N, C-alpha and C. Protein backbone atom coordinates (compact mmCIF):
# COMPACT_ATOMS: atom_id res chain seq x y z
N UNK A 1 0.80 -1.12 -0.01
CA UNK A 1 -0.02 -0.01 -0.05
C UNK A 1 0.84 1.20 -0.07
N UNK A 2 2.11 1.12 -0.22
CA UNK A 2 3.03 2.36 -0.11
C UNK A 2 2.63 3.23 -1.37
N UNK A 3 2.12 2.74 -2.43
CA UNK A 3 1.78 3.51 -3.54
C UNK A 3 0.62 4.56 -3.24
N UNK A 4 -0.17 3.97 -2.44
CA UNK A 4 -1.44 4.81 -1.97
C UNK A 4 -0.89 5.85 -0.92
N UNK A 5 -0.08 5.33 -0.11
CA UNK A 5 0.54 6.27 0.94
C UNK A 5 1.47 7.47 0.20
N UNK A 6 1.97 7.12 -0.92
CA UNK A 6 2.66 8.09 -1.75
C UNK A 6 1.57 9.15 -2.16
N UNK A 7 0.63 8.66 -2.79
CA UNK A 7 -0.38 9.55 -3.28
C UNK A 7 -1.06 10.50 -2.10
N UNK A 8 -1.31 9.83 -0.95
CA UNK A 8 -1.74 10.55 0.11
C UNK A 8 -0.78 11.58 0.65
N UNK A 9 0.53 11.27 0.59
CA UNK A 9 1.55 12.18 0.95
C UNK A 9 1.52 13.41 0.00
N UNK A 10 1.40 13.11 -1.19
CA UNK A 10 1.36 14.12 -2.33
C UNK A 10 0.11 15.02 -2.05
N UNK A 11 -1.11 14.51 -1.56
CA UNK A 11 -2.15 15.17 -1.31
C UNK A 11 -2.03 16.23 -0.28
N UNK A 12 -1.27 15.66 0.72
CA UNK A 12 -0.86 16.55 1.84
C UNK A 12 -0.14 17.65 1.48
N UNK A 13 0.92 17.43 0.67
CA UNK A 13 1.75 18.62 0.15
C UNK A 13 0.91 19.55 -0.62
N UNK A 14 0.03 19.15 -1.56
CA UNK A 14 -0.78 20.04 -2.32
C UNK A 14 -1.66 20.74 -1.41
N UNK A 15 -2.32 20.07 -0.39
CA UNK A 15 -2.98 20.74 0.65
C UNK A 15 -2.31 21.92 1.42
N UNK A 16 -1.12 21.67 1.66
CA UNK A 16 -0.31 22.75 2.22
C UNK A 16 -0.04 23.93 1.33
N UNK A 17 0.26 23.59 0.01
CA UNK A 17 0.31 24.62 -0.95
C UNK A 17 -1.03 25.35 -1.17
N UNK A 18 -2.12 24.73 -1.02
CA UNK A 18 -3.47 25.33 -1.07
C UNK A 18 -3.80 26.19 0.03
N UNK A 19 -3.30 25.83 1.29
CA UNK A 19 -3.38 26.68 2.37
C UNK A 19 -2.64 27.94 2.27
N UNK A 20 -1.38 27.92 1.73
CA UNK A 20 -0.56 28.96 1.48
C UNK A 20 -1.16 30.01 0.64
N UNK A 21 -1.72 29.37 -0.56
CA UNK A 21 -2.41 30.19 -1.59
C UNK A 21 -3.66 30.81 -0.99
N UNK A 22 -4.30 30.18 -0.07
CA UNK A 22 -5.50 30.87 0.66
C UNK A 22 -5.04 32.05 1.42
N UNK A 23 -3.87 31.88 1.99
CA UNK A 23 -3.45 32.98 2.95
C UNK A 23 -3.06 34.15 2.08
N UNK A 24 -2.39 33.92 0.90
CA UNK A 24 -2.06 34.78 -0.05
C UNK A 24 -3.24 35.61 -0.52
N UNK A 25 -4.32 34.86 -0.82
CA UNK A 25 -5.58 35.40 -1.40
C UNK A 25 -6.18 36.21 -0.42
N UNK A 26 -6.18 35.68 1.00
CA UNK A 26 -6.73 36.53 2.06
C UNK A 26 -6.05 37.90 2.20
N UNK A 27 -4.71 37.88 2.17
CA UNK A 27 -3.96 39.24 2.26
C UNK A 27 -4.23 40.12 1.01
N UNK A 28 -4.40 39.50 -0.04
CA UNK A 28 -4.67 40.39 -1.32
C UNK A 28 -5.95 40.92 -1.04
N UNK A 29 -6.96 40.17 -0.61
CA UNK A 29 -8.38 40.60 -0.35
C UNK A 29 -8.38 41.85 0.60
N UNK A 30 -7.63 41.70 1.53
CA UNK A 30 -7.62 42.69 2.74
C UNK A 30 -6.79 43.95 2.29
N UNK A 31 -6.21 43.95 1.05
CA UNK A 31 -5.49 45.15 0.57
C UNK A 31 -4.21 45.12 1.13
N UNK A 32 -3.61 44.19 1.89
CA UNK A 32 -2.34 44.13 2.37
C UNK A 32 -1.32 44.02 1.01
N UNK A 33 -0.20 44.53 1.14
CA UNK A 33 0.78 44.28 0.11
C UNK A 33 1.24 42.96 -0.02
N UNK A 34 1.09 42.49 -1.16
CA UNK A 34 1.56 41.10 -1.77
C UNK A 34 2.27 41.36 -2.90
N UNK A 35 3.39 40.32 -2.86
CA UNK A 35 4.17 40.43 -4.04
C UNK A 35 3.27 39.72 -5.21
N UNK A 36 3.05 40.44 -6.19
CA UNK A 36 2.25 39.94 -7.29
C UNK A 36 2.95 38.73 -8.02
N UNK A 37 4.08 38.87 -8.03
CA UNK A 37 4.88 37.75 -8.80
C UNK A 37 4.80 36.32 -8.07
N UNK A 38 4.42 36.37 -6.82
CA UNK A 38 4.25 35.13 -6.14
C UNK A 38 3.08 34.31 -6.59
N UNK A 39 2.14 35.01 -7.27
CA UNK A 39 0.89 34.33 -7.88
C UNK A 39 1.41 33.36 -9.07
N UNK A 40 2.35 33.90 -9.78
CA UNK A 40 2.86 33.13 -10.83
C UNK A 40 3.67 31.84 -10.34
N UNK A 41 4.30 32.13 -9.16
CA UNK A 41 5.02 30.95 -8.53
C UNK A 41 4.08 29.99 -7.99
N UNK A 42 2.86 30.40 -7.40
CA UNK A 42 1.95 29.43 -6.93
C UNK A 42 1.27 28.60 -8.22
N UNK A 43 1.11 29.37 -9.19
CA UNK A 43 0.58 28.69 -10.45
C UNK A 43 1.59 27.67 -10.85
N UNK A 44 2.79 27.99 -11.02
CA UNK A 44 4.00 27.02 -11.33
C UNK A 44 4.02 25.81 -10.46
N UNK A 45 3.94 26.14 -9.20
CA UNK A 45 4.11 25.05 -8.28
C UNK A 45 3.05 24.11 -8.46
N UNK A 46 1.75 24.54 -8.53
CA UNK A 46 0.61 23.70 -8.87
C UNK A 46 0.76 22.89 -10.15
N UNK A 47 1.10 23.64 -11.18
CA UNK A 47 1.16 22.97 -12.40
C UNK A 47 2.40 21.91 -12.43
N UNK A 48 3.46 22.28 -11.79
CA UNK A 48 4.56 21.45 -12.01
C UNK A 48 4.45 20.06 -10.94
N UNK A 49 3.85 20.51 -9.91
CA UNK A 49 3.69 19.34 -8.99
C UNK A 49 2.48 18.58 -9.12
N UNK A 50 1.36 19.18 -8.93
CA UNK A 50 0.06 18.63 -9.08
C UNK A 50 -0.40 18.03 -10.43
N UNK A 51 0.00 18.87 -11.41
CA UNK A 51 -0.49 18.43 -12.70
C UNK A 51 0.62 17.41 -13.38
N UNK A 52 1.74 17.91 -13.27
CA UNK A 52 2.83 17.06 -14.06
C UNK A 52 3.42 15.81 -13.39
N UNK A 53 3.30 15.71 -12.00
CA UNK A 53 3.75 14.62 -11.37
C UNK A 53 2.59 13.92 -10.78
N UNK A 54 1.81 14.58 -9.94
CA UNK A 54 0.61 13.80 -9.19
C UNK A 54 -0.32 13.13 -10.09
N UNK A 55 -0.97 14.10 -11.00
CA UNK A 55 -1.95 13.66 -12.05
C UNK A 55 -1.37 12.58 -12.86
N UNK A 56 -0.18 12.79 -13.36
CA UNK A 56 0.41 11.79 -14.28
C UNK A 56 0.30 10.27 -13.56
N UNK A 57 0.66 10.32 -12.30
CA UNK A 57 0.58 8.98 -11.64
C UNK A 57 -0.81 8.44 -11.78
N UNK A 58 -1.75 9.40 -11.30
CA UNK A 58 -3.18 8.97 -11.17
C UNK A 58 -3.72 8.60 -12.72
N UNK A 59 -3.56 9.40 -13.69
CA UNK A 59 -4.19 9.35 -14.91
C UNK A 59 -3.51 8.30 -15.88
N UNK A 60 -2.21 8.06 -15.70
CA UNK A 60 -1.43 7.23 -16.60
C UNK A 60 -1.02 5.85 -16.04
N UNK A 61 -1.25 5.58 -14.59
CA UNK A 61 -1.02 4.38 -14.05
C UNK A 61 -2.10 4.00 -13.16
N UNK A 62 -2.58 4.69 -12.10
CA UNK A 62 -3.63 4.29 -11.30
C UNK A 62 -4.98 4.02 -11.90
N UNK A 63 -5.42 4.98 -12.57
CA UNK A 63 -6.76 4.83 -13.12
C UNK A 63 -6.77 3.78 -14.18
N UNK A 64 -5.78 3.69 -15.15
CA UNK A 64 -5.87 2.51 -16.05
C UNK A 64 -5.80 1.27 -15.30
N UNK A 65 -5.04 1.07 -14.23
CA UNK A 65 -4.87 -0.04 -13.59
C UNK A 65 -6.21 -0.53 -12.97
N UNK A 66 -6.81 0.48 -12.43
CA UNK A 66 -8.20 0.21 -11.77
C UNK A 66 -9.12 -0.34 -12.91
N UNK A 67 -9.12 0.36 -14.18
CA UNK A 67 -10.03 -0.11 -15.13
C UNK A 67 -9.75 -1.49 -15.56
N UNK A 68 -8.41 -1.86 -15.58
CA UNK A 68 -8.03 -3.30 -16.09
C UNK A 68 -8.42 -4.29 -14.85
N UNK A 69 -8.76 -3.65 -13.65
CA UNK A 69 -9.12 -4.64 -12.56
C UNK A 69 -10.72 -4.49 -12.43
N UNK A 70 -11.51 -3.96 -13.46
CA UNK A 70 -12.88 -4.13 -13.28
C UNK A 70 -13.62 -2.79 -12.92
N UNK A 71 -12.92 -1.72 -12.70
CA UNK A 71 -13.62 -0.45 -12.37
C UNK A 71 -14.01 0.12 -13.70
N UNK A 72 -15.13 0.71 -13.78
CA UNK A 72 -15.64 1.24 -15.06
C UNK A 72 -14.81 2.59 -15.33
N UNK A 73 -14.34 2.66 -16.65
CA UNK A 73 -13.65 3.94 -17.02
C UNK A 73 -14.50 4.96 -17.34
N UNK A 74 -15.81 4.62 -17.74
CA UNK A 74 -16.64 5.78 -18.22
C UNK A 74 -17.74 6.07 -17.28
N UNK A 75 -17.80 5.60 -15.98
CA UNK A 75 -18.81 5.69 -15.11
C UNK A 75 -18.28 5.82 -13.76
N UNK A 76 -18.64 6.56 -12.92
CA UNK A 76 -18.34 6.60 -11.38
C UNK A 76 -17.10 7.34 -11.26
N UNK A 77 -16.19 6.85 -10.24
CA UNK A 77 -15.02 7.61 -9.78
C UNK A 77 -14.02 8.05 -10.89
N UNK A 78 -13.74 7.17 -11.78
CA UNK A 78 -12.66 7.34 -12.72
C UNK A 78 -12.92 8.49 -13.59
N UNK A 79 -14.04 8.65 -14.16
CA UNK A 79 -14.35 9.84 -15.08
C UNK A 79 -14.44 11.02 -14.32
N UNK A 80 -14.96 10.85 -13.00
CA UNK A 80 -15.16 12.17 -12.16
C UNK A 80 -13.73 12.70 -11.93
N UNK A 81 -12.82 11.73 -11.52
CA UNK A 81 -11.44 12.29 -11.17
C UNK A 81 -10.79 12.99 -12.30
N UNK A 82 -10.88 12.19 -13.51
CA UNK A 82 -10.43 12.94 -14.84
C UNK A 82 -10.82 14.26 -15.24
N UNK A 83 -12.30 14.37 -14.97
CA UNK A 83 -12.93 15.53 -15.28
C UNK A 83 -12.42 16.76 -14.36
N UNK A 84 -12.34 16.31 -12.96
CA UNK A 84 -11.81 17.38 -12.06
C UNK A 84 -10.40 17.70 -12.27
N UNK A 85 -9.72 16.92 -12.79
CA UNK A 85 -8.16 17.24 -13.14
C UNK A 85 -8.15 18.24 -14.31
N UNK A 86 -9.01 18.21 -15.21
CA UNK A 86 -9.27 19.13 -16.28
C UNK A 86 -9.67 20.47 -15.67
N UNK A 87 -10.66 20.45 -14.74
CA UNK A 87 -11.04 21.63 -14.12
C UNK A 87 -9.95 22.33 -13.34
N UNK A 88 -9.12 21.49 -12.67
CA UNK A 88 -7.95 22.01 -11.89
C UNK A 88 -7.01 22.70 -12.89
N UNK A 89 -6.76 22.10 -14.14
CA UNK A 89 -5.86 22.66 -15.18
C UNK A 89 -6.39 24.07 -15.55
N UNK A 90 -7.59 24.21 -15.64
CA UNK A 90 -8.34 25.51 -16.00
C UNK A 90 -7.99 26.63 -14.89
N UNK A 91 -8.18 25.98 -13.70
CA UNK A 91 -8.00 27.14 -12.55
C UNK A 91 -6.66 27.44 -12.35
N UNK A 92 -5.78 26.47 -12.65
CA UNK A 92 -4.40 26.94 -12.62
C UNK A 92 -4.07 27.90 -13.67
N UNK A 93 -4.48 27.72 -14.85
CA UNK A 93 -4.15 28.55 -15.96
C UNK A 93 -4.64 29.98 -15.65
N UNK A 94 -5.86 30.09 -14.98
CA UNK A 94 -6.32 31.45 -14.60
C UNK A 94 -5.28 32.05 -13.70
N UNK A 95 -4.81 31.33 -12.79
CA UNK A 95 -3.77 31.96 -11.91
C UNK A 95 -2.69 32.36 -12.71
N UNK A 96 -2.13 31.43 -13.51
CA UNK A 96 -0.98 31.73 -14.33
C UNK A 96 -1.10 33.06 -15.21
N UNK A 97 -2.23 33.20 -15.78
CA UNK A 97 -2.43 34.38 -16.59
C UNK A 97 -2.51 35.65 -15.80
N UNK A 98 -3.16 35.45 -14.48
CA UNK A 98 -3.10 36.85 -13.78
C UNK A 98 -1.72 37.11 -13.14
N UNK A 99 -0.99 36.09 -13.00
CA UNK A 99 0.30 36.23 -12.60
C UNK A 99 1.22 36.93 -13.63
N UNK A 100 0.87 36.72 -14.77
CA UNK A 100 1.63 37.26 -15.96
C UNK A 100 1.38 38.70 -16.02
N UNK A 101 0.17 39.30 -15.47
CA UNK A 101 -0.20 40.72 -15.52
C UNK A 101 0.17 41.37 -14.21
N UNK A 102 1.10 40.79 -13.41
CA UNK A 102 1.40 41.16 -12.15
C UNK A 102 1.70 42.73 -12.01
N UNK A 103 2.29 43.19 -12.92
CA UNK A 103 2.73 44.60 -12.82
C UNK A 103 1.54 45.64 -12.72
N UNK A 104 0.40 45.14 -13.34
CA UNK A 104 -0.70 46.23 -13.69
C UNK A 104 -2.06 45.77 -13.06
N UNK A 105 -2.02 45.26 -11.81
CA UNK A 105 -3.43 44.85 -11.14
C UNK A 105 -4.25 45.98 -10.86
N UNK A 106 -5.44 45.94 -11.25
CA UNK A 106 -6.53 46.92 -10.98
C UNK A 106 -7.07 46.37 -9.65
N UNK A 107 -8.04 47.09 -9.10
CA UNK A 107 -8.77 46.55 -8.04
C UNK A 107 -9.72 45.43 -8.55
N UNK A 108 -10.21 45.60 -9.67
CA UNK A 108 -10.97 44.46 -10.22
C UNK A 108 -10.17 43.26 -10.38
N UNK A 109 -8.91 43.36 -11.04
CA UNK A 109 -8.09 42.18 -11.13
C UNK A 109 -7.84 41.52 -9.75
N UNK A 110 -7.62 42.36 -8.77
CA UNK A 110 -7.40 41.84 -7.41
C UNK A 110 -8.50 40.97 -6.98
N UNK A 111 -9.74 41.60 -7.26
CA UNK A 111 -10.98 40.66 -6.80
C UNK A 111 -11.09 39.32 -7.55
N UNK A 112 -10.69 39.41 -8.90
CA UNK A 112 -10.83 38.30 -9.67
C UNK A 112 -9.69 37.33 -9.17
N UNK A 113 -8.64 37.76 -8.85
CA UNK A 113 -7.55 36.92 -8.45
C UNK A 113 -7.86 36.14 -7.20
N UNK A 114 -8.43 36.96 -6.28
CA UNK A 114 -8.85 36.37 -4.90
C UNK A 114 -9.97 35.23 -5.30
N UNK A 115 -10.77 35.56 -6.16
CA UNK A 115 -11.90 34.55 -6.56
C UNK A 115 -11.23 33.34 -6.97
N UNK A 116 -10.36 33.56 -7.95
CA UNK A 116 -9.83 32.35 -8.69
C UNK A 116 -8.92 31.56 -7.76
N UNK A 117 -8.14 32.33 -6.89
CA UNK A 117 -7.38 31.54 -5.86
C UNK A 117 -8.17 30.79 -4.97
N UNK A 118 -9.33 31.30 -4.42
CA UNK A 118 -10.19 30.72 -3.35
C UNK A 118 -10.81 29.43 -4.27
N UNK A 119 -11.12 29.81 -5.38
CA UNK A 119 -11.82 28.71 -6.20
C UNK A 119 -10.81 27.40 -6.43
N UNK A 120 -9.71 27.75 -6.57
CA UNK A 120 -8.62 26.73 -6.66
C UNK A 120 -8.49 25.93 -5.34
N UNK A 121 -8.45 26.81 -4.27
CA UNK A 121 -8.18 26.29 -2.89
C UNK A 121 -9.38 25.20 -2.53
N UNK A 122 -10.56 25.77 -2.84
CA UNK A 122 -11.95 25.14 -2.52
C UNK A 122 -11.95 23.66 -3.31
N UNK A 123 -11.67 23.86 -4.60
CA UNK A 123 -11.49 22.83 -5.56
C UNK A 123 -10.49 21.66 -5.07
N UNK A 124 -9.45 21.99 -4.60
CA UNK A 124 -8.35 21.15 -4.11
C UNK A 124 -8.96 20.30 -2.82
N UNK A 125 -9.55 21.00 -2.06
CA UNK A 125 -10.16 20.32 -0.81
C UNK A 125 -11.19 19.35 -1.12
N UNK A 126 -12.06 19.84 -2.03
CA UNK A 126 -13.14 18.98 -2.62
C UNK A 126 -12.69 17.70 -3.38
N UNK A 127 -11.66 18.01 -4.22
CA UNK A 127 -11.12 17.02 -5.03
C UNK A 127 -10.42 15.88 -4.28
N UNK A 128 -9.62 16.44 -3.23
CA UNK A 128 -9.05 15.26 -2.40
C UNK A 128 -9.98 14.58 -1.64
N UNK A 129 -10.98 15.19 -1.23
CA UNK A 129 -12.23 14.51 -0.65
C UNK A 129 -12.72 13.36 -1.35
N UNK A 130 -13.10 13.72 -2.60
CA UNK A 130 -13.65 12.80 -3.55
C UNK A 130 -12.62 11.67 -3.75
N UNK A 131 -11.33 11.78 -4.02
CA UNK A 131 -10.38 10.88 -4.16
C UNK A 131 -10.18 9.98 -2.83
N UNK A 132 -10.38 10.50 -1.75
CA UNK A 132 -10.19 9.82 -0.48
C UNK A 132 -11.49 8.92 -0.23
N UNK A 133 -12.66 9.45 -0.59
CA UNK A 133 -13.76 8.72 -0.41
C UNK A 133 -14.12 7.76 -1.45
N UNK A 134 -13.75 7.96 -2.62
CA UNK A 134 -14.12 7.12 -3.77
C UNK A 134 -13.07 6.39 -4.42
N UNK A 135 -11.85 7.06 -4.58
CA UNK A 135 -10.87 6.42 -5.44
C UNK A 135 -9.98 5.43 -4.57
N UNK A 136 -9.44 5.94 -3.33
CA UNK A 136 -8.63 5.07 -2.60
C UNK A 136 -9.30 3.80 -2.11
N UNK A 137 -10.57 3.87 -1.54
CA UNK A 137 -11.33 2.50 -1.34
C UNK A 137 -11.28 1.56 -2.50
N UNK A 138 -11.39 2.10 -3.76
CA UNK A 138 -11.24 1.23 -4.99
C UNK A 138 -10.02 0.59 -5.00
N UNK A 139 -8.96 1.20 -4.76
CA UNK A 139 -7.57 0.81 -4.85
C UNK A 139 -7.49 -0.44 -3.94
N UNK A 140 -7.90 -0.26 -2.64
CA UNK A 140 -7.73 -1.29 -1.79
C UNK A 140 -8.69 -2.45 -2.09
N UNK A 141 -9.95 -2.22 -2.55
CA UNK A 141 -10.73 -3.26 -2.89
C UNK A 141 -10.44 -3.99 -4.16
N UNK A 142 -9.97 -3.33 -5.20
CA UNK A 142 -9.66 -4.01 -6.39
C UNK A 142 -8.41 -4.57 -6.68
N UNK A 143 -7.43 -3.78 -6.16
CA UNK A 143 -5.93 -4.00 -6.52
C UNK A 143 -5.32 -4.97 -5.51
N UNK A 144 -5.64 -4.76 -4.21
CA UNK A 144 -4.93 -5.56 -3.09
C UNK A 144 -3.51 -5.91 -3.38
N UNK A 145 -3.25 -7.02 -3.73
CA UNK A 145 -1.83 -7.46 -4.10
C UNK A 145 -1.29 -6.74 -5.21
N UNK A 146 -2.31 -6.21 -6.13
CA UNK A 146 -1.83 -5.46 -7.36
C UNK A 146 -1.31 -4.19 -7.04
N UNK A 147 -1.37 -3.77 -5.70
CA UNK A 147 -0.87 -2.34 -5.47
C UNK A 147 0.68 -2.50 -5.46
N UNK A 148 1.29 -3.60 -5.27
CA UNK A 148 2.76 -3.82 -5.42
C UNK A 148 3.16 -3.57 -6.94
N UNK A 149 2.33 -3.99 -7.84
CA UNK A 149 2.46 -3.66 -9.33
C UNK A 149 2.46 -2.19 -9.40
N UNK A 150 1.49 -1.40 -8.85
CA UNK A 150 1.49 -0.05 -8.99
C UNK A 150 2.74 0.71 -8.50
N UNK A 151 3.34 0.12 -7.30
CA UNK A 151 4.41 0.69 -6.67
C UNK A 151 5.63 0.47 -7.62
N UNK A 152 5.74 -0.62 -8.25
CA UNK A 152 6.86 -0.79 -9.30
C UNK A 152 6.59 0.04 -10.40
N UNK A 153 5.48 0.23 -10.91
CA UNK A 153 5.16 1.06 -12.06
C UNK A 153 5.64 2.64 -11.64
N UNK A 154 5.22 2.97 -10.47
CA UNK A 154 5.64 4.39 -10.10
C UNK A 154 7.16 4.57 -9.88
N UNK A 155 7.69 3.54 -9.40
CA UNK A 155 9.23 3.61 -9.37
C UNK A 155 9.87 3.69 -10.76
N UNK A 156 9.32 2.95 -11.72
CA UNK A 156 9.88 2.96 -13.03
C UNK A 156 9.65 4.38 -13.64
N UNK A 157 8.45 5.01 -13.41
CA UNK A 157 8.12 6.26 -13.84
C UNK A 157 9.18 7.25 -13.32
N UNK A 158 9.33 7.28 -11.92
CA UNK A 158 10.09 8.10 -11.27
C UNK A 158 11.60 8.04 -11.86
N UNK A 159 11.95 6.69 -12.20
CA UNK A 159 13.36 6.53 -12.63
C UNK A 159 13.24 7.22 -14.06
N UNK A 160 12.30 6.96 -14.87
CA UNK A 160 12.36 7.54 -16.31
C UNK A 160 12.39 9.11 -16.27
N UNK A 161 11.57 9.54 -15.26
CA UNK A 161 11.58 11.09 -15.18
C UNK A 161 12.91 11.71 -14.77
N UNK A 162 13.61 10.89 -13.82
CA UNK A 162 15.02 11.31 -13.53
C UNK A 162 16.02 11.07 -14.67
N UNK A 163 15.79 10.20 -15.54
CA UNK A 163 16.72 10.03 -16.76
C UNK A 163 16.37 11.11 -17.70
N UNK A 164 15.25 11.86 -17.56
CA UNK A 164 14.99 12.94 -18.50
C UNK A 164 15.75 14.25 -18.13
N UNK A 165 16.21 14.27 -16.87
CA UNK A 165 16.75 15.44 -16.49
C UNK A 165 18.20 15.63 -17.21
N UNK A 166 18.30 16.96 -17.67
CA UNK A 166 19.50 17.10 -18.54
C UNK A 166 20.57 17.64 -17.65
N UNK A 167 21.82 17.01 -17.52
CA UNK A 167 22.67 17.59 -16.80
C UNK A 167 23.03 18.95 -17.23
N UNK A 168 23.51 19.81 -16.17
CA UNK A 168 23.73 21.27 -16.44
C UNK A 168 24.68 21.51 -17.47
N UNK A 169 25.74 20.73 -17.60
CA UNK A 169 26.74 20.98 -18.65
C UNK A 169 26.41 20.66 -20.15
N UNK A 170 25.25 19.96 -20.23
CA UNK A 170 24.62 19.46 -21.61
C UNK A 170 23.44 20.31 -21.91
N UNK A 171 23.05 21.18 -21.08
CA UNK A 171 21.79 21.94 -21.35
C UNK A 171 21.97 22.72 -22.59
N UNK A 172 20.91 22.87 -23.47
CA UNK A 172 21.14 23.63 -24.64
C UNK A 172 21.77 25.14 -24.51
N UNK A 173 21.19 25.78 -23.35
CA UNK A 173 21.70 27.10 -23.08
C UNK A 173 22.88 27.06 -22.79
N UNK A 174 23.57 26.13 -21.93
CA UNK A 174 24.94 26.09 -21.53
C UNK A 174 25.78 25.74 -22.83
N UNK A 175 25.41 24.86 -23.60
CA UNK A 175 26.15 24.46 -24.84
C UNK A 175 26.25 25.80 -25.67
N UNK A 176 25.15 26.51 -25.78
CA UNK A 176 25.28 27.70 -26.71
C UNK A 176 26.31 28.74 -26.31
N UNK A 177 26.31 28.70 -24.76
CA UNK A 177 27.39 29.70 -24.14
C UNK A 177 28.75 29.11 -24.53
N UNK A 178 28.91 27.86 -24.34
CA UNK A 178 30.39 27.39 -24.57
C UNK A 178 30.66 27.42 -26.13
N UNK A 179 29.74 27.45 -26.95
CA UNK A 179 30.08 27.70 -28.28
C UNK A 179 30.52 29.01 -28.63
N UNK A 180 29.79 30.02 -28.02
CA UNK A 180 30.21 31.39 -28.19
C UNK A 180 31.49 31.74 -27.59
N UNK A 181 32.03 30.99 -26.56
CA UNK A 181 33.26 31.38 -25.85
C UNK A 181 34.34 30.78 -26.63
N UNK A 182 34.13 29.80 -27.47
CA UNK A 182 35.19 29.13 -28.14
C UNK A 182 35.60 30.03 -29.24
N UNK A 183 36.96 30.12 -29.60
CA UNK A 183 37.39 30.95 -30.66
C UNK A 183 37.15 30.41 -32.11
């Protein structure tokens, strides 16, 4: 069950990020000076971790595995989770776009930012409740011993992701710098 524990740990990290975003939104709403560029950082953190790491595990490993073990792909928890992931992507995009306009927020922009941030916070809490209530029990009921397979698949995914990291000295920007320095 360590694979499920890993997902739960990721939910806890995402929940802490949502708590921090909620505090940021509260300060923005109260008119306290906030660093507008932090909004883009929140959007990047949600995108990079929640979407690119956490959702990838759920959508490309866990949900298909549950489907292979008899859970309906097109009805119930699985399509609900996938649909909510798309909604989360939309909310993160709204934050990202607001962060890109950081230098010129009007009072209306601030109101919309607060609303979008709170919508993402509320969404995260409801989404994690859905997964805890409906998805994780399916894992225990349908996979049982198969959870060991998921854990192995997640290890392979993590290994593959680490293989994709480009060492700093072979990064294209670094190579371009090295080429320019050579006579």
